[in-house]
């Protein structure tokens, strides 16, 4: 269940990065979403490193997406469609995996 919640957060973050016009009105939500995504990425990397798995690309992508969301909330980033699309794809991938039970 927690995996589904995190996947939905990934989809929201990817959508916010891909089309920032939607989230311009509610920049407070973008700040909270950025903080959650950054903490999720840091936890993912630290827990994987403690288990001996050092190739943690989803956690690294969470950190990049969280940083982009912080920049997006401050209107400092212009064209971030590539990062948003990759992050949206990651969220959809894990949401599909959790829905199918793989």
N, C-alpha and C. Protein backbone atom coordinates (compact mmCIF):
# COMPACT_ATOMS: atom_id res chain seq x y z
N UNK A 1 0.82 -1.19 0.00
CA UNK A 1 0.00 0.00 0.00
C UNK A 1 0.87 1.26 0.00
N UNK A 2 1.92 1.25 0.79
CA UNK A 2 2.82 2.40 0.82
C UNK A 2 3.51 2.59 -0.52
N UNK A 3 3.77 1.48 -1.21
CA UNK A 3 4.40 1.54 -2.52
C UNK A 3 3.49 2.24 -3.52
N UNK A 4 2.19 2.01 -3.42
CA UNK A 4 1.23 2.67 -4.31
C UNK A 4 1.18 4.16 -4.02
N UNK A 5 1.22 4.55 -2.76
CA UNK A 5 1.21 5.96 -2.38
C UNK A 5 2.45 6.66 -2.93
N UNK A 6 3.61 6.03 -2.79
CA UNK A 6 4.84 6.62 -3.31
C UNK A 6 4.82 6.69 -4.83
N UNK A 7 4.22 5.72 -5.48
CA UNK A 7 4.12 5.75 -6.94
C UNK A 7 3.21 6.89 -7.39
N UNK A 8 2.13 7.11 -6.67
CA UNK A 8 1.25 8.23 -7.00
C UNK A 8 1.96 9.56 -6.77
N UNK A 9 2.77 9.65 -5.71
CA UNK A 9 3.57 10.86 -5.50
C UNK A 9 4.55 11.07 -6.64
N UNK A 10 5.14 9.99 -7.16
CA UNK A 10 6.04 10.10 -8.30
C UNK A 10 5.32 10.63 -9.53
N UNK A 11 4.11 10.14 -9.75
CA UNK A 11 3.33 10.61 -10.90
C UNK A 11 2.98 12.08 -10.74
N UNK A 12 2.60 12.51 -9.54
CA UNK A 12 2.31 13.92 -9.30
C UNK A 12 3.54 14.79 -9.50
N UNK A 13 4.69 14.33 -8.99
CA UNK A 13 5.92 15.10 -9.14
C UNK A 13 6.34 15.18 -10.60
N UNK A 14 6.23 14.08 -11.32
CA UNK A 14 6.56 14.10 -12.74
C UNK A 14 5.64 15.01 -13.52
N UNK A 15 4.37 15.03 -13.17
CA UNK A 15 3.42 15.93 -13.83
C UNK A 15 3.74 17.38 -13.52
N UNK A 16 4.13 17.65 -12.29
CA UNK A 16 4.46 19.03 -11.91
C UNK A 16 5.71 19.51 -12.63
N UNK A 17 6.67 18.61 -12.83
CA UNK A 17 7.89 19.00 -13.53
C UNK A 17 7.61 19.13 -15.03
N UNK A 18 6.83 18.22 -15.58
CA UNK A 18 6.58 18.20 -17.02
C UNK A 18 5.74 19.40 -17.47
N UNK A 19 4.70 19.72 -16.72
CA UNK A 19 3.86 20.87 -17.08
C UNK A 19 3.68 21.75 -15.86
N UNK A 20 4.62 22.67 -15.63
CA UNK A 20 4.57 23.49 -14.41
C UNK A 20 3.41 24.47 -14.36
N UNK A 21 2.76 24.74 -15.49
CA UNK A 21 1.65 25.70 -15.48
C UNK A 21 0.50 25.22 -14.61
N UNK A 22 0.34 23.91 -14.50
CA UNK A 22 -0.74 23.36 -13.68
C UNK A 22 -0.52 23.68 -12.21
N UNK A 23 0.73 23.59 -11.77
CA UNK A 23 1.03 23.74 -10.36
C UNK A 23 1.52 25.14 -9.98
N UNK A 24 1.46 26.10 -10.90
CA UNK A 24 1.91 27.46 -10.58
C UNK A 24 1.03 28.10 -9.51
N UNK A 25 -0.25 27.82 -9.56
CA UNK A 25 -1.18 28.45 -8.63
C UNK A 25 -0.95 27.95 -7.21
N UNK A 26 -0.63 26.70 -7.08
CA UNK A 26 -0.48 26.09 -5.76
C UNK A 26 0.99 25.75 -5.51
N UNK A 27 1.83 26.78 -5.43
CA UNK A 27 3.26 26.52 -5.26
C UNK A 27 3.57 25.94 -3.89
N UNK A 28 2.69 26.13 -2.91
CA UNK A 28 2.90 25.51 -1.60
C UNK A 28 2.86 24.00 -1.69
N UNK A 29 2.00 23.47 -2.54
CA UNK A 29 1.94 22.02 -2.74
C UNK A 29 3.22 21.53 -3.40
N UNK A 30 3.77 22.32 -4.32
CA UNK A 30 5.01 21.93 -4.98
C UNK A 30 6.15 21.87 -3.97
N UNK A 31 6.19 22.81 -3.03
CA UNK A 31 7.25 22.79 -2.00
C UNK A 31 7.13 21.54 -1.14
N UNK A 32 5.93 21.21 -0.72
CA UNK A 32 5.72 20.01 0.11
C UNK A 32 6.04 18.76 -0.69
N UNK A 33 5.60 18.71 -1.94
CA UNK A 33 5.89 17.57 -2.80
C UNK A 33 7.40 17.43 -3.02
N UNK A 34 8.10 18.54 -3.22
CA UNK A 34 9.55 18.49 -3.40
C UNK A 34 10.24 17.95 -2.16
N UNK A 35 9.80 18.38 -1.00
CA UNK A 35 10.41 17.90 0.24
C UNK A 35 10.16 16.41 0.44
N UNK A 36 8.95 15.95 0.16
CA UNK A 36 8.64 14.53 0.30
C UNK A 36 9.46 13.70 -0.67
N UNK A 37 9.58 14.16 -1.92
CA UNK A 37 10.34 13.42 -2.93
C UNK A 37 11.82 13.38 -2.56
N UNK A 38 12.36 14.49 -2.07
CA UNK A 38 13.76 14.50 -1.64
C UNK A 38 14.01 13.54 -0.49
N UNK A 39 13.13 13.55 0.50
CA UNK A 39 13.29 12.64 1.63
C UNK A 39 13.13 11.19 1.20
N UNK A 40 12.21 10.93 0.29
CA UNK A 40 12.02 9.57 -0.22
C UNK A 40 13.26 9.09 -0.96
N UNK A 41 13.86 9.97 -1.76
CA UNK A 41 15.07 9.60 -2.48
C UNK A 41 16.25 9.36 -1.56
N UNK A 42 16.41 10.21 -0.55
CA UNK A 42 17.50 10.03 0.40
C UNK A 42 17.32 8.74 1.19
N UNK A 43 16.10 8.46 1.61
CA UNK A 43 15.85 7.21 2.34
C UNK A 43 16.11 6.00 1.46
N UNK A 44 15.70 6.08 0.21
CA UNK A 44 15.90 4.97 -0.72
C UNK A 44 17.38 4.70 -0.95
N UNK A 45 18.15 5.74 -1.15
CA UNK A 45 19.59 5.56 -1.38
C UNK A 45 20.28 5.04 -0.13
N UNK A 46 19.96 5.61 1.03
CA UNK A 46 20.61 5.17 2.27
C UNK A 46 20.23 3.74 2.64
N UNK A 47 18.97 3.38 2.46
CA UNK A 47 18.58 2.01 2.81
C UNK A 47 19.16 1.00 1.82
N UNK A 48 19.27 1.35 0.57
CA UNK A 48 19.88 0.44 -0.41
C UNK A 48 21.37 0.30 -0.17
N UNK A 49 22.03 1.40 0.19
CA UNK A 49 23.46 1.33 0.47
C UNK A 49 23.74 0.50 1.71
N UNK A 50 22.87 0.59 2.70
CA UNK A 50 23.08 -0.22 3.91
C UNK A 50 22.85 -1.70 3.65
N UNK A 51 22.06 -2.01 2.62
CA UNK A 51 21.82 -3.41 2.26
C UNK A 51 22.87 -3.93 1.28
N UNK A 52 23.79 -3.06 0.86
CA UNK A 52 24.86 -3.48 -0.03
C UNK A 52 24.53 -3.32 -1.51
N UNK A 53 23.44 -2.66 -1.83
CA UNK A 53 23.06 -2.42 -3.22
C UNK A 53 23.36 -0.96 -3.53
N UNK A 54 24.38 -0.73 -4.34
CA UNK A 54 24.85 0.63 -4.55
C UNK A 54 24.40 1.24 -5.88
N UNK A 55 23.68 0.49 -6.69
CA UNK A 55 23.18 1.01 -7.96
C UNK A 55 21.69 1.32 -7.80
N UNK A 56 21.38 2.40 -7.13
CA UNK A 56 20.00 2.77 -6.81
C UNK A 56 19.57 3.92 -7.70
N UNK A 57 19.15 3.61 -8.94
CA UNK A 57 18.77 4.68 -9.86
C UNK A 57 17.44 5.33 -9.52
N UNK A 58 16.43 4.62 -8.98
CA UNK A 58 15.19 5.34 -8.65
C UNK A 58 15.39 6.36 -7.53
N UNK A 59 16.22 6.04 -6.55
CA UNK A 59 16.48 7.00 -5.47
C UNK A 59 17.24 8.22 -5.96
N UNK A 60 18.20 7.99 -6.86
CA UNK A 60 18.94 9.12 -7.43
C UNK A 60 18.02 9.99 -8.28
N UNK A 61 17.11 9.35 -8.99
CA UNK A 61 16.15 10.11 -9.80
C UNK A 61 15.19 10.89 -8.90
N UNK A 62 14.85 10.34 -7.74
CA UNK A 62 14.03 11.08 -6.77
C UNK A 62 14.74 12.35 -6.31
N UNK A 63 16.03 12.24 -6.04
CA UNK A 63 16.79 13.42 -5.62
C UNK A 63 16.83 14.48 -6.72
N UNK A 64 17.03 14.06 -7.96
CA UNK A 64 17.05 15.00 -9.08
C UNK A 64 15.68 15.65 -9.25
N UNK A 65 14.63 14.85 -9.16
CA UNK A 65 13.27 15.39 -9.32
C UNK A 65 12.91 16.33 -8.17
N UNK A 66 13.33 16.00 -6.96
CA UNK A 66 13.07 16.89 -5.83
C UNK A 66 13.78 18.23 -6.00
N UNK A 67 15.02 18.18 -6.49
CA UNK A 67 15.74 19.42 -6.75
C UNK A 67 15.07 20.23 -7.85
N UNK A 68 14.58 19.56 -8.88
CA UNK A 68 13.87 20.27 -9.95
C UNK A 68 12.57 20.88 -9.45
N UNK A 69 11.89 20.18 -8.55
CA UNK A 69 10.66 20.75 -7.99
C UNK A 69 10.95 21.98 -7.15
N UNK A 70 12.05 21.96 -6.40
CA UNK A 70 12.43 23.16 -5.64
C UNK A 70 12.75 24.32 -6.58
N UNK A 71 13.45 24.04 -7.67
CA UNK A 71 13.75 25.09 -8.64
C UNK A 71 12.49 25.56 -9.35
N UNK A 72 11.58 24.64 -9.60
CA UNK A 72 10.33 24.97 -10.28
C UNK A 72 9.46 25.89 -9.41
N UNK A 73 9.44 25.65 -8.13
CA UNK A 73 8.63 26.47 -7.24
C UNK A 73 9.18 27.89 -7.15
N UNK A 74 10.47 28.03 -7.40
CA UNK A 74 11.08 29.36 -7.38
C UNK A 74 11.17 30.00 -8.75
N UNK A 75 10.61 29.37 -9.79
CA UNK A 75 10.66 29.86 -11.16
C UNK A 75 12.08 30.03 -11.69
N UNK A 76 12.99 29.17 -11.29
CA UNK A 76 14.36 29.27 -11.75
C UNK A 76 14.69 28.31 -12.88
N UNK A 77 13.81 27.39 -13.18
CA UNK A 77 14.09 26.40 -14.22
C UNK A 77 13.15 26.64 -15.40
N UNK A 78 13.68 26.53 -16.58
CA UNK A 78 12.87 26.79 -17.76
C UNK A 78 12.30 25.53 -18.37
N UNK A 79 13.09 24.84 -19.16
CA UNK A 79 12.61 23.69 -19.90
C UNK A 79 13.03 22.42 -19.18
N UNK A 80 12.11 21.78 -18.52
CA UNK A 80 12.43 20.57 -17.76
C UNK A 80 11.55 19.40 -18.18
N UNK A 81 11.16 19.38 -19.43
CA UNK A 81 10.28 18.32 -19.91
C UNK A 81 10.96 16.96 -19.87
N UNK A 82 12.25 16.91 -20.13
CA UNK A 82 12.95 15.62 -20.15
C UNK A 82 12.96 14.99 -18.77
N UNK A 83 13.33 15.76 -17.76
CA UNK A 83 13.38 15.22 -16.40
C UNK A 83 11.98 14.86 -15.92
N UNK A 84 11.01 15.72 -16.20
CA UNK A 84 9.64 15.42 -15.80
C UNK A 84 9.10 14.18 -16.48
N UNK A 85 9.41 14.01 -17.75
CA UNK A 85 8.95 12.83 -18.47
C UNK A 85 9.58 11.55 -17.95
N UNK A 86 10.88 11.61 -17.66
CA UNK A 86 11.56 10.44 -17.10
C UNK A 86 10.98 10.09 -15.74
N UNK A 87 10.76 11.10 -14.92
CA UNK A 87 10.23 10.85 -13.58
C UNK A 87 8.79 10.37 -13.63
N UNK A 88 8.02 10.91 -14.55
CA UNK A 88 6.65 10.44 -14.74
C UNK A 88 6.64 8.99 -15.19
N UNK A 89 7.56 8.64 -16.08
CA UNK A 89 7.68 7.25 -16.51
C UNK A 89 8.07 6.33 -15.39
N UNK A 90 8.97 6.78 -14.52
CA UNK A 90 9.37 5.97 -13.36
C UNK A 90 8.19 5.73 -12.44
N UNK A 91 7.40 6.77 -12.19
CA UNK A 91 6.23 6.61 -11.34
C UNK A 91 5.21 5.66 -11.94
N UNK A 92 4.98 5.77 -13.24
CA UNK A 92 4.03 4.88 -13.90
C UNK A 92 4.55 3.44 -13.93
N UNK A 93 5.86 3.28 -14.09
CA UNK A 93 6.47 1.94 -14.10
C UNK A 93 6.25 1.25 -12.76
N UNK A 94 6.57 1.95 -11.66
CA UNK A 94 6.41 1.34 -10.35
C UNK A 94 4.95 1.20 -9.94
N UNK A 95 4.10 2.09 -10.41
CA UNK A 95 2.67 1.96 -10.13
C UNK A 95 2.12 0.73 -10.86
N UNK A 96 2.56 0.52 -12.09
CA UNK A 96 2.15 -0.68 -12.82
C UNK A 96 2.68 -1.95 -12.19
N UNK A 97 3.91 -1.92 -11.72
CA UNK A 97 4.48 -3.09 -11.05
C UNK A 97 3.72 -3.42 -9.78
N UNK A 98 3.37 -2.38 -9.02
CA UNK A 98 2.66 -2.65 -7.76
C UNK A 98 1.22 -3.10 -8.04
N UNK A 99 0.62 -2.59 -9.10
CA UNK A 99 -0.75 -3.01 -9.42
C UNK A 99 -0.79 -4.44 -9.92
N UNK A 100 0.24 -4.85 -10.65
CA UNK A 100 0.30 -6.22 -11.16
C UNK A 100 0.91 -7.20 -10.17
N UNK A 101 1.48 -6.69 -9.11
CA UNK A 101 2.07 -7.56 -8.09
C UNK A 101 3.40 -8.16 -8.49
N UNK A 102 4.13 -7.48 -9.35
CA UNK A 102 5.43 -8.00 -9.81
C UNK A 102 6.52 -7.54 -8.88
